[in-house]
Amino acid sequence: MVNWNLVAGTDGKFSSQDIRRNILTFIMKNHPGSLVEFIEKDCDSYRIDIRGGDALIFDFKGEFVKAV
């Protein structure tokens, strides 16, 4: 499970309830036990930084785009 209660984002604090379920499913499946450090929500995408790992980019529908 992703260790995620409230994390900082550009619009204040986010919780897992604020993010699309398929993004959470992707993170839990591909990065189990990871800490989500930061979330940035733009008008058409989400950037989710994994502590000590990649930054994950998702489109606004919650589909994985790429890791940077």
C-alpha atoms as a PDB file:
ATOM      1  CA  MET A   1       0.000   0.000   0.000  1.00  0.00           C
ATOM      2  CA  VAL A   2       1.181   3.520  -0.684  1.00  0.00           C
ATOM      3  CA  ASN A   3       1.994   5.400   2.519  1.00  0.00           C
ATOM      4  CA  TRP A   4      -0.139   8.445   1.836  1.00  0.00           C
ATOM      5  CA  ASN A   5      -2.274  10.460   4.206  1.00  0.00           C
ATOM      6  CA  LEU A   6      -1.882  14.117   3.317  1.00  0.00           C
ATOM      7  CA  VAL A   7       0.842  15.357   1.002  1.00  0.00           C
ATOM      8  CA  ALA A   8       1.807  18.802  -0.158  1.00  0.00           C
ATOM      9  CA  GLY A   9       0.638  19.999  -3.530  1.00  0.00           C
ATOM     10  CA  THR A  10       0.569  23.252  -5.440  1.00  0.00           C
ATOM     11  CA  ASP A  11      -3.032  23.805  -4.330  1.00  0.00           C
ATOM     12  CA  GLY A  12      -2.458  22.989  -0.664  1.00  0.00           C
ATOM     13  CA  LYS A  13      -2.838  19.529   0.841  1.00  0.00           C
ATOM     14  CA  PHE A  14      -4.087  16.495  -1.071  1.00  0.00           C
ATOM     15  CA  SER A  15      -5.317  13.184   0.237  1.00  0.00           C
ATOM     16  CA  SER A  16      -5.770   9.923  -1.630  1.00  0.00           C
ATOM     17  CA  GLN A  17      -9.472  10.782  -1.923  1.00  0.00           C
ATOM     18  CA  ASP A  18      -8.599  13.798  -4.090  1.00  0.00           C
ATOM     19  CA  ILE A  19      -6.857  11.725  -6.751  1.00  0.00           C
ATOM     20  CA  ARG A  20      -8.429   9.505  -9.379  1.00  0.00           C
ATOM     21  CA  ARG A  21      -8.709   5.855  -8.395  1.00  0.00           C
ATOM     22  CA  ASN A  22      -6.781   4.554 -11.418  1.00  0.00           C
ATOM     23  CA  ILE A  23      -3.776   6.712 -10.431  1.00  0.00           C
ATOM     24  CA  LEU A  24      -3.848   5.200  -6.944  1.00  0.00           C
ATOM     25  CA  THR A  25      -4.173   1.709  -8.403  1.00  0.00           C
ATOM     26  CA  PHE A  26      -1.174   2.304 -10.682  1.00  0.00           C
ATOM     27  CA  ILE A  27       0.971   3.576  -7.802  1.00  0.00           C
ATOM     28  CA  MET A  28      -0.020   0.716  -5.476  1.00  0.00           C
ATOM     29  CA  LYS A  29       0.698  -1.870  -8.177  1.00  0.00           C
ATOM     30  CA  ASN A  30       3.957  -0.419  -9.542  1.00  0.00           C
ATOM     31  CA  HIS A  31       5.392   1.332  -6.469  1.00  0.00           C
ATOM     32  CA  PRO A  32       4.172  -0.656  -3.432  1.00  0.00           C
ATOM     33  CA  GLY A  33       5.292   0.729  -0.090  1.00  0.00           C
ATOM     34  CA  SER A  34       6.459   3.993  -1.658  1.00  0.00           C
ATOM     35  CA  LEU A  35       5.979   7.411  -0.139  1.00  0.00           C
ATOM     36  CA  VAL A  36       4.201   9.995  -2.267  1.00  0.00           C
ATOM     37  CA  GLU A  37       6.127  13.166  -1.583  1.00  0.00           C
ATOM     38  CA  PHE A  38       4.462  15.803  -3.746  1.00  0.00           C
ATOM     39  CA  ILE A  39       1.494  16.205  -6.087  1.00  0.00           C
ATOM     40  CA  GLU A  40       1.195  18.866  -8.727  1.00  0.00           C
ATOM     41  CA  LYS A  41      -2.156  19.230 -10.455  1.00  0.00           C
ATOM     42  CA  ASP A  42      -2.184  21.197 -13.703  1.00  0.00           C
ATOM     43  CA  CYS A  43      -5.142  21.923 -15.946  1.00  0.00           C
ATOM     44  CA  ASP A  44      -4.564  18.737 -17.949  1.00  0.00           C
ATOM     45  CA  SER A  45      -2.257  16.483 -15.910  1.00  0.00           C
ATOM     46  CA  TYR A  46      -1.029  15.273 -12.535  1.00  0.00           C
ATOM     47  CA  ARG A  47       2.629  14.973 -11.535  1.00  0.00           C
ATOM     48  CA  ILE A  48       3.218  12.723  -8.547  1.00  0.00           C
ATOM     49  CA  ASP A  49       6.706  12.563  -7.042  1.00  0.00           C
ATOM     50  CA  ILE A  50       7.695   9.316  -5.386  1.00  0.00           C
ATOM     51  CA  ARG A  51      10.225   9.848  -2.572  1.00  0.00           C
ATOM     52  CA  GLY A  52      13.613   8.599  -3.741  1.00  0.00           C
ATOM     53  CA  GLY A  53      12.199   7.607  -7.124  1.00  0.00           C
ATOM     54  CA  ASP A  54      10.546   8.799 -10.272  1.00  0.00           C
ATOM     55  CA  ALA A  55       8.097  11.564 -10.901  1.00  0.00           C
ATOM     56  CA  LEU A  56       5.002  10.024 -12.480  1.00  0.00           C
ATOM     57  CA  ILE A  57       2.970  11.945 -15.033  1.00  0.00           C
ATOM     58  CA  PHE A  58      -0.719  11.128 -15.565  1.00  0.00           C
ATOM     59  CA  ASP A  59      -3.204  12.782 -17.878  1.00  0.00           C
ATOM     60  CA  PHE A  60      -6.259  14.419 -16.366  1.00  0.00           C
ATOM     61  CA  LYS A  61      -8.274  11.241 -16.921  1.00  0.00           C
ATOM     62  CA  GLY A  62      -5.793   9.428 -14.678  1.00  0.00           C
ATOM     63  CA  GLU A  63      -4.016   7.450 -17.398  1.00  0.00           C
ATOM     64  CA  PHE A  64      -0.264   6.960 -16.952  1.00  0.00           C
ATOM     65  CA  VAL A  65       1.783   8.981 -19.464  1.00  0.00           C
ATOM     66  CA  LYS A  66       5.434   8.624 -18.413  1.00  0.00           C
ATOM     67  CA  ALA A  67       7.977   8.592 -15.606  1.00  0.00           C
ATOM     68  CA  VAL A  68      10.593  11.333 -15.481  1.00  0.00           C
END
